[in-house]
Amino acid sequence: MRDIAGRVGITERAVQRIVEDLTEAGYVRVEKMGRRNRYAVSARKHLRHPVEEHVQIGDLLGIILKHE
């Protein structure tokens, strides 16, 4: 989470709150692996905003990753 916070320009605590919100909503799954956590995105979930609710997370990630 520290790496994400640095890259995005927000605090680590803000990242923790966002990940917690996404986990509670079913967008992210957390698997504990010893002292670490592994995170997985639920690619088949749809975006939350009514204007984009027809778009799946996986489709959006595909576009973003294609342009990296």
C-alpha atoms as a PDB file:
ATOM      1  CA  MET A   1       0.000   0.000   0.000  1.00  0.00           C
ATOM      2  CA  ARG A   2       2.966   2.265   0.603  1.00  0.00           C
ATOM      3  CA  ASP A   3       4.003   1.887  -3.044  1.00  0.00           C
ATOM      4  CA  ILE A   4       0.512   2.713  -4.298  1.00  0.00           C
ATOM      5  CA  ALA A   5       0.286   5.743  -2.016  1.00  0.00           C
ATOM      6  CA  GLY A   6       3.596   7.070  -3.335  1.00  0.00           C
ATOM      7  CA  ARG A   7       2.700   6.535  -6.984  1.00  0.00           C
ATOM      8  CA  VAL A   8      -0.762   8.079  -6.648  1.00  0.00           C
ATOM      9  CA  GLY A   9       0.267  10.897  -4.322  1.00  0.00           C
ATOM     10  CA  ILE A  10      -2.023  10.142  -1.386  1.00  0.00           C
ATOM     11  CA  THR A  11      -1.380   8.889   2.122  1.00  0.00           C
ATOM     12  CA  GLU A  12      -0.972   5.225   2.918  1.00  0.00           C
ATOM     13  CA  ARG A  13      -3.972   5.492   5.260  1.00  0.00           C
ATOM     14  CA  ALA A  14      -6.095   6.830   2.375  1.00  0.00           C
ATOM     15  CA  VAL A  15      -5.089   3.809   0.283  1.00  0.00           C
ATOM     16  CA  GLN A  16      -6.055   1.515   3.169  1.00  0.00           C
ATOM     17  CA  ARG A  17      -9.511   3.131   3.382  1.00  0.00           C
ATOM     18  CA  ILE A  18     -10.036   2.825  -0.376  1.00  0.00           C
ATOM     19  CA  VAL A  19      -8.982  -0.840  -0.412  1.00  0.00           C
ATOM     20  CA  GLU A  20     -11.250  -1.536   2.576  1.00  0.00           C
ATOM     21  CA  ASP A  21     -14.186   0.107   0.773  1.00  0.00           C
ATOM     22  CA  LEU A  22     -13.501  -1.870  -2.411  1.00  0.00           C
ATOM     23  CA  THR A  23     -13.165  -5.101  -0.428  1.00  0.00           C
ATOM     24  CA  GLU A  24     -16.468  -4.555   1.387  1.00  0.00           C
ATOM     25  CA  ALA A  25     -18.161  -3.837  -1.960  1.00  0.00           C
ATOM     26  CA  GLY A  26     -16.744  -7.034  -3.506  1.00  0.00           C
ATOM     27  CA  TYR A  27     -14.413  -5.346  -6.004  1.00  0.00           C
ATOM     28  CA  VAL A  28     -11.249  -6.643  -4.324  1.00  0.00           C
ATOM     29  CA  ARG A  29     -10.590  -9.949  -2.572  1.00  0.00           C
ATOM     30  CA  VAL A  30      -7.934 -10.210   0.139  1.00  0.00           C
ATOM     31  CA  GLU A  31      -6.052 -13.436   0.853  1.00  0.00           C
ATOM     32  CA  LYS A  32      -3.791 -13.527   3.887  1.00  0.00           C
ATOM     33  CA  MET A  33      -0.421 -15.157   3.196  1.00  0.00           C
ATOM     34  CA  GLY A  34       1.482 -15.259   6.473  1.00  0.00           C
ATOM     35  CA  ARG A  35       2.242 -11.674   7.436  1.00  0.00           C
ATOM     36  CA  ARG A  36       1.375 -10.368   3.972  1.00  0.00           C
ATOM     37  CA  ASN A  37      -1.835  -9.942   2.023  1.00  0.00           C
ATOM     38  CA  ARG A  38      -2.492 -10.801  -1.582  1.00  0.00           C
ATOM     39  CA  TYR A  39      -5.121  -8.728  -3.399  1.00  0.00           C
ATOM     40  CA  ALA A  40      -7.178  -9.789  -6.402  1.00  0.00           C
ATOM     41  CA  VAL A  41      -9.517  -7.607  -8.452  1.00  0.00           C
ATOM     42  CA  SER A  42     -12.979  -8.956  -9.291  1.00  0.00           C
ATOM     43  CA  ALA A  43     -12.771  -8.314 -13.026  1.00  0.00           C
ATOM     44  CA  ARG A  44     -16.404  -9.232 -13.735  1.00  0.00           C
ATOM     45  CA  LYS A  45     -17.840  -6.619 -11.364  1.00  0.00           C
ATOM     46  CA  HIS A  46     -19.300  -3.510 -12.968  1.00  0.00           C
ATOM     47  CA  LEU A  47     -18.317   0.071 -12.254  1.00  0.00           C
ATOM     48  CA  ARG A  48     -20.474   1.731  -9.596  1.00  0.00           C
ATOM     49  CA  HIS A  49     -21.362   5.046 -11.208  1.00  0.00           C
ATOM     50  CA  PRO A  50     -24.702   4.921 -13.056  1.00  0.00           C
ATOM     51  CA  VAL A  51     -23.167   6.386 -16.236  1.00  0.00           C
ATOM     52  CA  GLU A  52     -20.529   3.611 -16.404  1.00  0.00           C
ATOM     53  CA  GLU A  53     -22.379   0.750 -14.711  1.00  0.00           C
ATOM     54  CA  HIS A  54     -22.447  -1.209 -17.978  1.00  0.00           C
ATOM     55  CA  VAL A  55     -18.608  -1.412 -18.007  1.00  0.00           C
ATOM     56  CA  GLN A  56     -16.863  -4.319 -16.297  1.00  0.00           C
ATOM     57  CA  ILE A  57     -13.727  -3.683 -14.236  1.00  0.00           C
ATOM     58  CA  GLY A  58     -11.772  -6.127 -16.412  1.00  0.00           C
ATOM     59  CA  ASP A  59     -12.620  -4.159 -19.561  1.00  0.00           C
ATOM     60  CA  LEU A  60     -11.354  -0.941 -17.995  1.00  0.00           C
ATOM     61  CA  LEU A  61      -8.181  -2.606 -16.729  1.00  0.00           C
ATOM     62  CA  GLY A  62      -7.584  -4.061 -20.194  1.00  0.00           C
ATOM     63  CA  ILE A  63      -7.631  -0.569 -21.697  1.00  0.00           C
ATOM     64  CA  ILE A  64      -5.351   0.860 -19.008  1.00  0.00           C
ATOM     65  CA  LEU A  65      -2.825  -1.974 -19.172  1.00  0.00           C
ATOM     66  CA  LYS A  66      -2.731  -1.854 -22.967  1.00  0.00           C
ATOM     67  CA  HIS A  67      -1.441   1.751 -22.792  1.00  0.00           C
ATOM     68  CA  GLU A  68       1.320   1.212 -20.223  1.00  0.00           C
END
